[in-house]
Amino acid sequence: MPLNYRIDHGLRLVIAIAHGGLTDSDVFGYQHVVWSRKHVAGYNELVDMTRVTHIALPAADRVRDLAEVAAAMDDKSTRSKFAIVATADIAFGLGRMFQSYREVMEQSTKEVGVFRTMAEALSFLGIDGPLSLDWEPR
């Protein structure tokens, strides 16, 4: 899967790194595999899209569909944050579209931010200093 992730329980953070070509099924698969785990409920999330070379999106409505699925999986007892790092215009634009959908969904408890740099994303998440992204894929 071109979306590799790890869970940092100390930081209460799910970190995902996307690379290569990213498909609709990759993104929905990641959402279901990771966020159906009860032990990450209420965790913050960081998705690094800087290594993505191509995004295959079958229809624009799929961004809304993903936002709906993600919001339905949110922990309703707490608020959390989701930072997307995207340097490419297409990934940044899709991230902003996702952010917009999440903002208007009543069941959403995650605040989404889309950033051009990792430093901005880490600041948004309240993480001081660099975060190691050198780890074995899952």
N, C-alpha and C. Protein backbone atom coordinates (compact mmCIF):
# COMPACT_ATOMS: atom_id res chain seq x y z
N MET A 1 0.86 -1.18 0.00
CA MET A 1 0.00 0.00 0.00
C MET A 1 0.90 1.24 0.00
N PRO A 2 0.62 2.19 -0.86
CA PRO A 2 1.46 3.41 -0.90
C PRO A 2 1.19 4.37 0.25
N LEU A 3 0.47 3.94 1.26
CA LEU A 3 0.28 4.73 2.47
C LEU A 3 0.79 3.89 3.64
N ASN A 4 1.99 4.20 4.08
CA ASN A 4 2.58 3.50 5.22
C ASN A 4 2.33 4.33 6.47
N TYR A 5 2.12 3.64 7.57
CA TYR A 5 1.80 4.37 8.79
C TYR A 5 2.47 3.75 10.00
N ARG A 6 2.52 4.56 11.05
CA ARG A 6 2.91 4.06 12.37
C ARG A 6 2.10 4.84 13.39
N ILE A 7 2.01 4.25 14.56
CA ILE A 7 1.24 4.85 15.64
C ILE A 7 2.20 5.18 16.76
N ASP A 8 2.24 6.45 17.14
CA ASP A 8 3.08 6.89 18.25
C ASP A 8 2.16 7.12 19.45
N HIS A 9 2.13 6.13 20.34
CA HIS A 9 1.22 6.22 21.48
C HIS A 9 1.65 7.30 22.46
N GLY A 10 2.96 7.58 22.55
CA GLY A 10 3.45 8.63 23.43
C GLY A 10 2.92 10.00 23.03
N LEU A 11 2.90 10.26 21.74
CA LEU A 11 2.38 11.53 21.23
C LEU A 11 0.88 11.48 20.93
N ARG A 12 0.29 10.30 21.05
CA ARG A 12 -1.12 10.10 20.66
C ARG A 12 -1.33 10.60 19.22
N LEU A 13 -0.51 10.02 18.33
CA LEU A 13 -0.44 10.49 16.95
C LEU A 13 -0.33 9.32 15.98
N VAL A 14 -1.14 9.35 14.93
CA VAL A 14 -1.00 8.43 13.81
C VAL A 14 -0.27 9.19 12.72
N ILE A 15 0.83 8.61 12.24
CA ILE A 15 1.66 9.24 11.21
C ILE A 15 1.59 8.36 9.96
N ALA A 16 1.21 8.96 8.85
CA ALA A 16 1.15 8.22 7.59
C ALA A 16 1.99 8.94 6.55
N ILE A 17 2.71 8.15 5.76
CA ILE A 17 3.51 8.69 4.66
C ILE A 17 3.01 8.06 3.37
N ALA A 18 2.54 8.89 2.48
CA ALA A 18 2.08 8.43 1.18
C ALA A 18 3.23 8.58 0.17
N HIS A 19 3.32 7.63 -0.76
CA HIS A 19 4.38 7.71 -1.76
C HIS A 19 3.93 7.09 -3.07
N GLY A 20 4.54 7.54 -4.16
CA GLY A 20 4.21 7.00 -5.47
C GLY A 20 2.82 7.40 -5.92
N GLY A 21 2.18 6.49 -6.63
CA GLY A 21 0.82 6.73 -7.09
C GLY A 21 -0.18 6.37 -6.01
N LEU A 22 -1.12 7.24 -5.77
CA LEU A 22 -2.10 7.06 -4.71
C LEU A 22 -3.48 6.92 -5.35
N THR A 23 -4.18 5.85 -4.99
CA THR A 23 -5.51 5.61 -5.56
C THR A 23 -6.60 5.80 -4.51
N ASP A 24 -7.79 5.85 -5.00
CA ASP A 24 -8.99 5.94 -4.18
C ASP A 24 -9.02 4.79 -3.17
N SER A 25 -8.77 3.58 -3.62
CA SER A 25 -8.82 2.43 -2.71
C SER A 25 -7.71 2.48 -1.67
N ASP A 26 -6.55 3.05 -2.00
CA ASP A 26 -5.47 3.21 -1.02
C ASP A 26 -5.92 4.09 0.14
N VAL A 27 -6.53 5.21 -0.18
CA VAL A 27 -6.93 6.18 0.83
C VAL A 27 -8.07 5.64 1.69
N PHE A 28 -9.08 5.06 1.06
CA PHE A 28 -10.20 4.50 1.82
C PHE A 28 -9.72 3.29 2.64
N GLY A 29 -8.81 2.49 2.08
CA GLY A 29 -8.26 1.35 2.81
C GLY A 29 -7.53 1.80 4.06
N TYR A 30 -6.68 2.81 3.93
CA TYR A 30 -5.97 3.36 5.08
C TYR A 30 -6.96 3.84 6.13
N GLN A 31 -7.97 4.58 5.72
CA GLN A 31 -8.96 5.10 6.65
C GLN A 31 -9.58 3.97 7.46
N HIS A 32 -10.00 2.92 6.79
CA HIS A 32 -10.67 1.81 7.48
C HIS A 32 -9.71 0.99 8.34
N VAL A 33 -8.53 0.69 7.82
CA VAL A 33 -7.57 -0.13 8.56
C VAL A 33 -7.12 0.56 9.84
N VAL A 34 -6.77 1.82 9.75
CA VAL A 34 -6.21 2.52 10.90
C VAL A 34 -7.29 3.00 11.86
N TRP A 35 -8.31 3.66 11.36
CA TRP A 35 -9.25 4.34 12.24
C TRP A 35 -10.37 3.46 12.76
N SER A 36 -10.39 2.19 12.38
CA SER A 36 -11.32 1.24 12.99
C SER A 36 -10.73 0.66 14.28
N ARG A 37 -9.47 0.96 14.57
CA ARG A 37 -8.80 0.49 15.79
C ARG A 37 -9.21 1.38 16.96
N LYS A 38 -9.78 0.77 17.96
CA LYS A 38 -10.28 1.54 19.11
C LYS A 38 -9.16 2.22 19.89
N HIS A 39 -7.95 1.66 19.88
CA HIS A 39 -6.86 2.24 20.68
C HIS A 39 -6.30 3.54 20.10
N VAL A 40 -6.72 3.95 18.91
CA VAL A 40 -6.28 5.24 18.36
C VAL A 40 -7.39 6.28 18.37
N ALA A 41 -8.52 5.94 18.95
CA ALA A 41 -9.64 6.89 19.03
C ALA A 41 -9.18 8.16 19.74
N GLY A 42 -9.44 9.29 19.13
CA GLY A 42 -9.07 10.59 19.70
C GLY A 42 -7.64 11.01 19.43
N TYR A 43 -6.85 10.18 18.75
CA TYR A 43 -5.47 10.55 18.42
C TYR A 43 -5.47 11.62 17.33
N ASN A 44 -4.41 12.41 17.32
CA ASN A 44 -4.17 13.32 16.21
C ASN A 44 -3.63 12.52 15.03
N GLU A 45 -3.60 13.16 13.87
CA GLU A 45 -3.16 12.47 12.66
C GLU A 45 -2.29 13.40 11.82
N LEU A 46 -1.25 12.82 11.23
CA LEU A 46 -0.36 13.54 10.33
C LEU A 46 -0.19 12.70 9.07
N VAL A 47 -0.52 13.26 7.92
CA VAL A 47 -0.32 12.57 6.65
C VAL A 47 0.63 13.40 5.81
N ASP A 48 1.75 12.78 5.44
CA ASP A 48 2.78 13.42 4.62
C ASP A 48 2.56 13.00 3.17
N MET A 49 2.14 13.94 2.33
CA MET A 49 1.86 13.68 0.91
C MET A 49 3.00 14.14 0.00
N THR A 50 4.14 14.51 0.58
CA THR A 50 5.21 15.11 -0.21
C THR A 50 5.89 14.13 -1.16
N ARG A 51 5.70 12.83 -0.96
CA ARG A 51 6.34 11.82 -1.83
C ARG A 51 5.38 11.24 -2.87
N VAL A 52 4.18 11.79 -2.95
CA VAL A 52 3.19 11.30 -3.91
C VAL A 52 3.52 11.85 -5.29
N THR A 53 3.53 10.97 -6.29
CA THR A 53 3.84 11.38 -7.66
C THR A 53 2.60 11.49 -8.54
N HIS A 54 1.53 10.81 -8.13
CA HIS A 54 0.31 10.81 -8.94
C HIS A 54 -0.88 10.46 -8.03
N ILE A 55 -2.00 11.14 -8.25
CA ILE A 55 -3.22 10.84 -7.50
C ILE A 55 -4.30 10.47 -8.51
N ALA A 56 -4.81 9.23 -8.40
CA ALA A 56 -5.88 8.75 -9.28
C ALA A 56 -7.20 8.89 -8.53
N LEU A 57 -7.99 9.85 -8.93
CA LEU A 57 -9.27 10.13 -8.28
C LEU A 57 -10.38 9.84 -9.29
N PRO A 58 -11.22 8.82 -9.02
CA PRO A 58 -12.23 8.45 -10.02
C PRO A 58 -13.32 9.50 -10.21
N ALA A 59 -13.63 10.26 -9.16
CA ALA A 59 -14.66 11.31 -9.26
C ALA A 59 -14.45 12.30 -8.12
N ALA A 60 -14.76 13.55 -8.37
CA ALA A 60 -14.57 14.60 -7.35
C ALA A 60 -15.40 14.32 -6.09
N ASP A 61 -16.55 13.65 -6.27
CA ASP A 61 -17.39 13.33 -5.12
C ASP A 61 -16.70 12.41 -4.12
N ARG A 62 -15.65 11.73 -4.53
CA ARG A 62 -14.97 10.80 -3.63
C ARG A 62 -14.28 11.52 -2.48
N VAL A 63 -13.89 12.77 -2.67
CA VAL A 63 -13.30 13.54 -1.57
C VAL A 63 -14.36 13.76 -0.50
N ARG A 64 -15.55 14.13 -0.91
CA ARG A 64 -16.66 14.28 0.02
C ARG A 64 -16.99 12.96 0.71
N ASP A 65 -17.01 11.88 -0.08
CA ASP A 65 -17.30 10.55 0.48
C ASP A 65 -16.27 10.18 1.55
N LEU A 66 -15.00 10.46 1.27
CA LEU A 66 -13.95 10.16 2.25
C LEU A 66 -14.14 11.00 3.51
N ALA A 67 -14.47 12.26 3.35
CA ALA A 67 -14.71 13.13 4.50
C ALA A 67 -15.87 12.60 5.34
N GLU A 68 -16.91 12.11 4.70
CA GLU A 68 -18.05 11.55 5.43
C GLU A 68 -17.67 10.29 6.18
N VAL A 69 -16.92 9.40 5.53
CA VAL A 69 -16.47 8.17 6.19
C VAL A 69 -15.58 8.51 7.37
N ALA A 70 -14.64 9.42 7.16
CA ALA A 70 -13.70 9.80 8.22
C ALA A 70 -14.43 10.44 9.40
N ALA A 71 -15.36 11.34 9.12
CA ALA A 71 -16.10 12.00 10.18
C ALA A 71 -16.93 11.01 10.98
N ALA A 72 -17.50 10.02 10.31
CA ALA A 72 -18.29 9.00 10.99
C ALA A 72 -17.42 8.15 11.91
N MET A 73 -16.12 8.06 11.64
CA MET A 73 -15.20 7.26 12.45
C MET A 73 -14.55 8.06 13.56
N ASP A 74 -14.77 9.37 13.60
CA ASP A 74 -14.18 10.22 14.65
C ASP A 74 -14.65 9.78 16.04
N ASP A 75 -13.78 9.95 17.03
CA ASP A 75 -14.14 9.75 18.43
C ASP A 75 -15.02 10.94 18.82
N LYS A 76 -16.24 10.68 19.17
CA LYS A 76 -17.19 11.76 19.48
C LYS A 76 -16.98 12.37 20.86
N SER A 77 -16.14 11.74 21.69
CA SER A 77 -15.95 12.23 23.06
C SER A 77 -14.83 13.25 23.19
N THR A 78 -14.06 13.47 22.12
CA THR A 78 -12.94 14.41 22.21
C THR A 78 -12.66 15.03 20.85
N ARG A 79 -11.99 16.15 20.87
CA ARG A 79 -11.58 16.81 19.62
C ARG A 79 -10.14 16.44 19.35
N SER A 80 -9.78 16.36 18.09
CA SER A 80 -8.41 16.07 17.71
C SER A 80 -8.07 16.86 16.46
N LYS A 81 -6.82 16.71 16.02
CA LYS A 81 -6.36 17.46 14.85
C LYS A 81 -5.79 16.52 13.80
N PHE A 82 -5.92 16.94 12.55
CA PHE A 82 -5.43 16.17 11.41
C PHE A 82 -4.67 17.14 10.51
N ALA A 83 -3.36 16.93 10.39
CA ALA A 83 -2.51 17.78 9.55
C ALA A 83 -2.11 17.02 8.28
N ILE A 84 -2.28 17.68 7.15
CA ILE A 84 -1.87 17.13 5.86
C ILE A 84 -0.74 18.01 5.34
N VAL A 85 0.38 17.39 4.98
CA VAL A 85 1.50 18.12 4.39
C VAL A 85 1.52 17.79 2.90
N ALA A 86 1.37 18.82 2.06
CA ALA A 86 1.30 18.61 0.62
C ALA A 86 2.00 19.76 -0.10
N THR A 87 3.06 19.44 -0.80
CA THR A 87 3.78 20.47 -1.55
C THR A 87 3.26 20.62 -2.98
N ALA A 88 2.77 19.53 -3.56
CA ALA A 88 2.24 19.57 -4.93
C ALA A 88 0.86 20.23 -4.92
N ASP A 89 0.60 21.04 -5.93
CA ASP A 89 -0.66 21.77 -5.98
C ASP A 89 -1.89 20.86 -5.96
N ILE A 90 -1.86 19.74 -6.69
CA ILE A 90 -3.03 18.85 -6.74
C ILE A 90 -3.30 18.25 -5.37
N ALA A 91 -2.27 17.78 -4.69
CA ALA A 91 -2.46 17.20 -3.35
C ALA A 91 -2.92 18.28 -2.36
N PHE A 92 -2.34 19.46 -2.47
CA PHE A 92 -2.74 20.56 -1.59
C PHE A 92 -4.21 20.92 -1.82
N GLY A 93 -4.60 21.03 -3.08
CA GLY A 93 -5.98 21.37 -3.41
C GLY A 93 -6.97 20.33 -2.94
N LEU A 94 -6.65 19.05 -3.12
CA LEU A 94 -7.53 17.99 -2.65
C LEU A 94 -7.60 17.99 -1.12
N GLY A 95 -6.48 18.27 -0.49
CA GLY A 95 -6.46 18.38 0.97
C GLY A 95 -7.37 19.50 1.46
N ARG A 96 -7.30 20.64 0.79
CA ARG A 96 -8.16 21.77 1.16
C ARG A 96 -9.64 21.45 0.93
N MET A 97 -9.92 20.71 -0.13
CA MET A 97 -11.29 20.30 -0.40
C MET A 97 -11.79 19.39 0.73
N PHE A 98 -10.95 18.44 1.13
CA PHE A 98 -11.27 17.54 2.24
C PHE A 98 -11.51 18.35 3.51
N GLN A 99 -10.63 19.32 3.77
CA GLN A 99 -10.76 20.19 4.94
C GLN A 99 -12.10 20.92 4.92
N SER A 100 -12.48 21.44 3.80
CA SER A 100 -13.75 22.17 3.68
C SER A 100 -14.94 21.27 3.98
N TYR A 101 -14.93 20.07 3.44
CA TYR A 101 -16.02 19.14 3.72
C TYR A 101 -16.09 18.80 5.20
N ARG A 102 -14.93 18.54 5.82
CA ARG A 102 -14.92 18.17 7.24
C ARG A 102 -15.44 19.32 8.11
N GLU A 103 -15.14 20.55 7.73
CA GLU A 103 -15.56 21.71 8.53
C GLU A 103 -17.08 21.86 8.61
N VAL A 104 -17.80 21.41 7.60
CA VAL A 104 -19.26 21.59 7.60
C VAL A 104 -20.02 20.35 8.07
N MET A 105 -19.33 19.29 8.39
CA MET A 105 -19.98 18.06 8.86
C MET A 105 -20.14 18.09 10.36
N GLU A 106 -21.39 18.05 10.81
CA GLU A 106 -21.69 18.13 12.23
C GLU A 106 -21.05 17.02 13.05
N GLN A 107 -20.93 15.82 12.49
CA GLN A 107 -20.38 14.70 13.23
C GLN A 107 -18.85 14.71 13.30
N SER A 108 -18.20 15.63 12.59
CA SER A 108 -16.74 15.71 12.58
C SER A 108 -16.22 16.30 13.88
N THR A 109 -15.24 15.63 14.48
CA THR A 109 -14.61 16.16 15.69
C THR A 109 -13.12 16.41 15.47
N LYS A 110 -12.64 16.30 14.22
CA LYS A 110 -11.25 16.58 13.90
C LYS A 110 -11.13 17.92 13.19
N GLU A 111 -10.19 18.71 13.67
CA GLU A 111 -9.85 19.96 12.99
C GLU A 111 -8.78 19.64 11.96
N VAL A 112 -9.04 19.93 10.71
CA VAL A 112 -8.12 19.61 9.62
C VAL A 112 -7.35 20.85 9.21
N GLY A 113 -6.05 20.69 9.01
CA GLY A 113 -5.19 21.74 8.48
C GLY A 113 -4.36 21.19 7.35
N VAL A 114 -4.18 21.98 6.30
CA VAL A 114 -3.38 21.56 5.15
C VAL A 114 -2.22 22.52 5.03
N PHE A 115 -1.01 21.98 4.92
CA PHE A 115 0.20 22.80 5.00
C PHE A 115 1.19 22.44 3.90
N ARG A 116 2.01 23.40 3.55
CA ARG A 116 3.07 23.18 2.56
C ARG A 116 4.34 22.62 3.18
N THR A 117 4.53 22.83 4.49
CA THR A 117 5.76 22.36 5.14
C THR A 117 5.45 21.50 6.36
N MET A 118 6.37 20.61 6.67
CA MET A 118 6.24 19.77 7.85
C MET A 118 6.28 20.62 9.12
N ALA A 119 7.11 21.65 9.14
CA ALA A 119 7.22 22.51 10.32
C ALA A 119 5.87 23.14 10.66
N GLU A 120 5.14 23.60 9.65
CA GLU A 120 3.81 24.20 9.88
C GLU A 120 2.84 23.15 10.43
N ALA A 121 2.89 21.96 9.88
CA ALA A 121 1.99 20.89 10.33
C ALA A 121 2.28 20.50 11.77
N LEU A 122 3.56 20.37 12.11
CA LEU A 122 3.92 20.00 13.47
C LEU A 122 3.50 21.08 14.46
N SER A 123 3.65 22.33 14.08
CA SER A 123 3.21 23.44 14.93
C SER A 123 1.70 23.36 15.17
N PHE A 124 0.94 23.12 14.13
CA PHE A 124 -0.51 22.97 14.22
C PHE A 124 -0.89 21.85 15.19
N LEU A 125 -0.11 20.76 15.16
CA LEU A 125 -0.37 19.61 16.03
C LEU A 125 0.16 19.80 17.45
N GLY A 126 0.92 20.89 17.66
CA GLY A 126 1.48 21.14 18.98
C GLY A 126 2.70 20.29 19.29
N ILE A 127 3.42 19.89 18.25
CA ILE A 127 4.62 19.07 18.42
C ILE A 127 5.84 19.95 18.25
N ASP A 128 6.67 20.01 19.28
CA ASP A 128 7.89 20.81 19.23
C ASP A 128 9.03 19.99 18.64
N GLY A 129 9.79 20.62 17.78
CA GLY A 129 10.97 19.97 17.21
C GLY A 129 10.62 19.02 16.09
N PRO A 130 11.64 18.42 15.51
CA PRO A 130 11.44 17.53 14.37
C PRO A 130 10.82 16.20 14.81
N LEU A 131 10.21 15.54 13.87
CA LEU A 131 9.60 14.23 14.09
C LEU A 131 10.30 13.25 13.16
N SER A 132 10.75 12.14 13.68
CA SER A 132 11.44 11.15 12.85
C SER A 132 10.44 10.45 11.94
N LEU A 133 10.71 10.52 10.65
CA LEU A 133 9.88 9.84 9.67
C LEU A 133 10.64 8.68 9.02
N ASP A 134 11.72 8.27 9.66
CA ASP A 134 12.53 7.15 9.16
C ASP A 134 12.13 5.88 9.91
N TRP A 135 11.28 5.08 9.30
CA TRP A 135 10.83 3.84 9.92
C TRP A 135 10.36 2.90 8.84
N GLU A 136 10.25 1.64 9.23
CA GLU A 136 9.86 0.59 8.28
C GLU A 136 8.37 0.69 7.96
N PRO A 137 8.02 0.55 6.70
CA PRO A 137 6.60 0.61 6.31
C PRO A 137 5.81 -0.56 6.87
N ARG A 138 4.52 -0.37 7.06
CA ARG A 138 3.58 -1.44 7.46
C ARG A 138 2.86 -1.92 6.23
